[in-house]
Amino acid sequence: MHGNVTEEEWQIFKEAYQYFSNHCLPPANQDENAVEWWTESAQALGALDLKWKDYPLMRCLLLGIYEYMECKAKEKTKEVAEFVQES
């Protein structure tokens, strides 16, 4: 089974992973589709947060995932800016 993890906790981790899997490659901030990508990501995050509103574990996971995605986007943005400056 899942050890001492409840069925709800198992589902929360599963759905948080699925969210991350679907949103793990954010665009650089200056990409033309960045606003659309982040809007869709935020809407999907909000839907999951609402679904699991009685379970603070999901909110903690989603906040961590979203912050991580922001870091990845900032790193891509930095890389693109450095590349542009070298040209």
N, C-alpha and C. Protein backbone atom coordinates (compact mmCIF):
# COMPACT_ATOMS: atom_id res chain seq x y z
N MET A 1 0.85 -1.19 0.00
CA MET A 1 0.00 0.00 0.00
C MET A 1 0.89 1.25 0.00
N HIS A 2 0.54 2.23 0.77
CA HIS A 2 1.24 3.51 0.78
C HIS A 2 1.88 3.79 2.15
N GLY A 3 2.20 2.76 2.92
CA GLY A 3 2.74 2.99 4.26
C GLY A 3 1.69 3.62 5.14
N ASN A 4 2.06 4.69 5.83
CA ASN A 4 1.12 5.38 6.72
C ASN A 4 0.46 6.58 6.06
N VAL A 5 0.68 6.75 4.78
CA VAL A 5 0.09 7.87 4.05
C VAL A 5 -1.39 7.58 3.81
N THR A 6 -2.22 8.58 4.08
CA THR A 6 -3.66 8.38 3.84
C THR A 6 -3.94 8.39 2.33
N GLU A 7 -5.08 7.93 1.96
CA GLU A 7 -5.48 7.93 0.55
C GLU A 7 -5.55 9.36 0.01
N GLU A 8 -6.02 10.31 0.84
CA GLU A 8 -6.08 11.71 0.42
C GLU A 8 -4.68 12.27 0.19
N GLU A 9 -3.75 11.96 1.10
CA GLU A 9 -2.37 12.43 0.93
C GLU A 9 -1.74 11.84 -0.32
N TRP A 10 -1.99 10.58 -0.57
CA TRP A 10 -1.48 9.92 -1.78
C TRP A 10 -2.00 10.64 -3.02
N GLN A 11 -3.28 10.95 -3.05
CA GLN A 11 -3.89 11.65 -4.19
C GLN A 11 -3.32 13.05 -4.35
N ILE A 12 -3.09 13.73 -3.22
CA ILE A 12 -2.53 15.08 -3.26
C ILE A 12 -1.15 15.06 -3.91
N PHE A 13 -0.29 14.16 -3.47
CA PHE A 13 1.05 14.08 -4.06
C PHE A 13 0.98 13.70 -5.53
N LYS A 14 0.09 12.79 -5.86
CA LYS A 14 -0.07 12.36 -7.25
C LYS A 14 -0.51 13.54 -8.12
N GLU A 15 -1.52 14.27 -7.68
CA GLU A 15 -2.02 15.39 -8.47
C GLU A 15 -1.03 16.56 -8.50
N ALA A 16 -0.30 16.78 -7.42
CA ALA A 16 0.73 17.83 -7.42
C ALA A 16 1.83 17.45 -8.41
N TYR A 17 2.20 16.19 -8.44
CA TYR A 17 3.21 15.73 -9.40
C TYR A 17 2.70 15.91 -10.83
N GLN A 18 1.45 15.55 -11.07
CA GLN A 18 0.89 15.70 -12.42
C GLN A 18 0.87 17.16 -12.83
N TYR A 19 0.53 18.05 -11.90
CA TYR A 19 0.56 19.48 -12.20
C TYR A 19 1.98 19.90 -12.58
N PHE A 20 2.97 19.50 -11.76
CA PHE A 20 4.35 19.85 -12.05
C PHE A 20 4.79 19.27 -13.38
N SER A 21 4.45 18.04 -13.64
CA SER A 21 4.83 17.38 -14.88
C SER A 21 4.31 18.14 -16.10
N ASN A 22 3.12 18.70 -15.98
CA ASN A 22 2.50 19.44 -17.08
C ASN A 22 3.02 20.88 -17.19
N HIS A 23 3.70 21.37 -16.17
CA HIS A 23 4.12 22.77 -16.15
C HIS A 23 5.59 22.92 -15.78
N CYS A 24 6.40 21.91 -16.01
CA CYS A 24 7.79 21.93 -15.53
C CYS A 24 8.74 22.67 -16.47
N LEU A 25 8.27 23.13 -17.62
CA LEU A 25 9.14 23.84 -18.56
C LEU A 25 8.60 25.24 -18.87
N PRO A 26 8.69 26.14 -17.91
CA PRO A 26 8.19 27.50 -18.16
C PRO A 26 9.03 28.20 -19.21
N PRO A 27 8.42 29.09 -19.97
CA PRO A 27 9.18 29.85 -20.97
C PRO A 27 9.97 30.96 -20.29
N ALA A 28 10.95 31.48 -21.01
CA ALA A 28 11.65 32.68 -20.54
C ALA A 28 10.62 33.81 -20.46
N ASN A 29 10.84 34.73 -19.56
CA ASN A 29 9.85 35.78 -19.32
C ASN A 29 9.55 36.64 -20.54
N GLN A 30 10.50 36.80 -21.44
CA GLN A 30 10.25 37.64 -22.61
C GLN A 30 9.68 36.87 -23.80
N ASP A 31 9.47 35.56 -23.66
CA ASP A 31 8.87 34.79 -24.76
C ASP A 31 7.46 35.30 -25.04
N GLU A 32 7.08 35.24 -26.30
CA GLU A 32 5.77 35.77 -26.69
C GLU A 32 4.61 35.02 -26.04
N ASN A 33 4.79 33.77 -25.67
CA ASN A 33 3.70 33.01 -25.07
C ASN A 33 3.80 32.95 -23.54
N ALA A 34 4.71 33.72 -22.94
CA ALA A 34 4.93 33.64 -21.49
C ALA A 34 3.68 34.01 -20.69
N VAL A 35 3.01 35.09 -21.06
CA VAL A 35 1.82 35.53 -20.31
C VAL A 35 0.73 34.47 -20.40
N GLU A 36 0.51 33.94 -21.58
CA GLU A 36 -0.50 32.89 -21.75
C GLU A 36 -0.13 31.64 -20.95
N TRP A 37 1.15 31.26 -20.99
CA TRP A 37 1.60 30.08 -20.27
C TRP A 37 1.39 30.23 -18.77
N TRP A 38 1.78 31.39 -18.22
CA TRP A 38 1.64 31.62 -16.78
C TRP A 38 0.17 31.74 -16.38
N THR A 39 -0.65 32.32 -17.24
CA THR A 39 -2.09 32.41 -16.94
C THR A 39 -2.70 31.03 -16.84
N GLU A 40 -2.40 30.17 -17.81
CA GLU A 40 -2.93 28.81 -17.78
C GLU A 40 -2.40 28.04 -16.58
N SER A 41 -1.12 28.22 -16.27
CA SER A 41 -0.53 27.55 -15.12
C SER A 41 -1.20 27.97 -13.82
N ALA A 42 -1.45 29.27 -13.69
CA ALA A 42 -2.11 29.79 -12.48
C ALA A 42 -3.54 29.30 -12.37
N GLN A 43 -4.25 29.22 -13.49
CA GLN A 43 -5.62 28.71 -13.47
C GLN A 43 -5.66 27.25 -13.05
N ALA A 44 -4.74 26.45 -13.58
CA ALA A 44 -4.68 25.04 -13.21
C ALA A 44 -4.31 24.89 -11.73
N LEU A 45 -3.39 25.73 -11.27
CA LEU A 45 -3.00 25.71 -9.86
C LEU A 45 -4.19 26.07 -8.98
N GLY A 46 -4.92 27.10 -9.37
CA GLY A 46 -6.09 27.53 -8.60
C GLY A 46 -7.16 26.46 -8.52
N ALA A 47 -7.36 25.73 -9.61
CA ALA A 47 -8.36 24.66 -9.61
C ALA A 47 -7.96 23.55 -8.64
N LEU A 48 -6.68 23.19 -8.64
CA LEU A 48 -6.21 22.16 -7.70
C LEU A 48 -6.31 22.65 -6.26
N ASP A 49 -5.92 23.89 -6.03
CA ASP A 49 -6.00 24.46 -4.68
C ASP A 49 -7.45 24.45 -4.18
N LEU A 50 -8.37 24.81 -5.05
CA LEU A 50 -9.79 24.82 -4.67
C LEU A 50 -10.29 23.40 -4.39
N LYS A 51 -9.90 22.46 -5.25
CA LYS A 51 -10.32 21.07 -5.07
C LYS A 51 -9.89 20.52 -3.72
N TRP A 52 -8.67 20.87 -3.29
CA TRP A 52 -8.10 20.35 -2.06
C TRP A 52 -8.05 21.40 -0.95
N LYS A 53 -9.00 22.33 -0.95
CA LYS A 53 -8.96 23.47 -0.02
C LYS A 53 -8.95 23.06 1.45
N ASP A 54 -9.45 21.87 1.76
CA ASP A 54 -9.48 21.42 3.14
C ASP A 54 -8.19 20.70 3.56
N TYR A 55 -7.22 20.65 2.65
CA TYR A 55 -5.97 19.95 2.90
C TYR A 55 -4.80 20.90 2.66
N PRO A 56 -4.23 21.48 3.72
CA PRO A 56 -3.14 22.45 3.56
C PRO A 56 -1.90 21.87 2.87
N LEU A 57 -1.75 20.56 2.88
CA LEU A 57 -0.61 19.93 2.22
C LEU A 57 -0.56 20.32 0.75
N MET A 58 -1.70 20.32 0.07
CA MET A 58 -1.71 20.65 -1.36
C MET A 58 -1.25 22.08 -1.59
N ARG A 59 -1.72 23.00 -0.79
CA ARG A 59 -1.31 24.40 -0.98
C ARG A 59 0.20 24.54 -0.79
N CYS A 60 0.75 23.87 0.21
CA CYS A 60 2.20 23.92 0.44
C CYS A 60 2.96 23.37 -0.76
N LEU A 61 2.52 22.25 -1.28
CA LEU A 61 3.17 21.65 -2.45
C LEU A 61 3.07 22.57 -3.66
N LEU A 62 1.88 23.10 -3.91
CA LEU A 62 1.67 23.96 -5.07
C LEU A 62 2.49 25.24 -4.99
N LEU A 63 2.58 25.83 -3.81
CA LEU A 63 3.39 27.04 -3.66
C LEU A 63 4.86 26.74 -3.95
N GLY A 64 5.33 25.62 -3.45
CA GLY A 64 6.71 25.23 -3.71
C GLY A 64 6.96 24.98 -5.19
N ILE A 65 6.03 24.31 -5.84
CA ILE A 65 6.16 24.03 -7.28
C ILE A 65 6.15 25.34 -8.06
N TYR A 66 5.23 26.24 -7.74
CA TYR A 66 5.12 27.50 -8.47
C TYR A 66 6.38 28.35 -8.30
N GLU A 67 6.92 28.40 -7.07
CA GLU A 67 8.16 29.15 -6.84
C GLU A 67 9.31 28.54 -7.63
N TYR A 68 9.35 27.21 -7.70
CA TYR A 68 10.39 26.54 -8.46
C TYR A 68 10.27 26.86 -9.95
N MET A 69 9.04 26.88 -10.46
CA MET A 69 8.83 27.23 -11.86
C MET A 69 9.27 28.66 -12.13
N GLU A 70 9.00 29.57 -11.19
CA GLU A 70 9.46 30.95 -11.34
C GLU A 70 10.99 31.02 -11.42
N CYS A 71 11.67 30.23 -10.58
CA CYS A 71 13.14 30.19 -10.62
C CYS A 71 13.63 29.69 -11.97
N LYS A 72 12.98 28.67 -12.50
CA LYS A 72 13.38 28.13 -13.80
C LYS A 72 13.17 29.17 -14.90
N ALA A 73 12.06 29.89 -14.83
CA ALA A 73 11.78 30.93 -15.84
C ALA A 73 12.80 32.06 -15.74
N LYS A 74 13.15 32.46 -14.52
CA LYS A 74 14.14 33.52 -14.34
C LYS A 74 15.50 33.09 -14.87
N GLU A 75 15.85 31.83 -14.67
CA GLU A 75 17.13 31.33 -15.18
C GLU A 75 17.13 31.34 -16.70
N LYS A 76 16.03 30.93 -17.32
CA LYS A 76 15.92 30.98 -18.78
C LYS A 76 16.00 32.42 -19.27
N THR A 77 15.35 33.31 -18.55
CA THR A 77 15.35 34.72 -18.93
C THR A 77 16.77 35.27 -18.86
N LYS A 78 17.49 34.92 -17.81
CA LYS A 78 18.88 35.36 -17.66
C LYS A 78 19.74 34.82 -18.80
N GLU A 79 19.55 33.53 -19.13
CA GLU A 79 20.32 32.92 -20.21
C GLU A 79 20.03 33.61 -21.54
N VAL A 80 18.78 33.92 -21.80
CA VAL A 80 18.41 34.59 -23.05
C VAL A 80 19.01 35.98 -23.08
N ALA A 81 18.97 36.69 -21.95
CA ALA A 81 19.52 38.05 -21.89
C ALA A 81 21.03 38.02 -22.13
N GLU A 82 21.72 37.04 -21.55
CA GLU A 82 23.16 36.93 -21.76
C GLU A 82 23.47 36.62 -23.22
N PHE A 83 22.67 35.77 -23.82
CA PHE A 83 22.87 35.41 -25.22
C PHE A 83 22.66 36.62 -26.12
N VAL A 84 21.64 37.40 -25.83
CA VAL A 84 21.35 38.58 -26.63
C VAL A 84 22.47 39.59 -26.51
N GLN A 85 23.01 39.79 -25.31
CA GLN A 85 24.09 40.75 -25.10
C GLN A 85 25.35 40.36 -25.86
N GLU A 86 25.61 39.07 -26.00
CA GLU A 86 26.80 38.60 -26.69
C GLU A 86 26.72 38.81 -28.19
N SER A 87 25.53 38.94 -28.73
CA SER A 87 25.37 39.06 -30.18
C SER A 87 25.87 40.36 -30.71
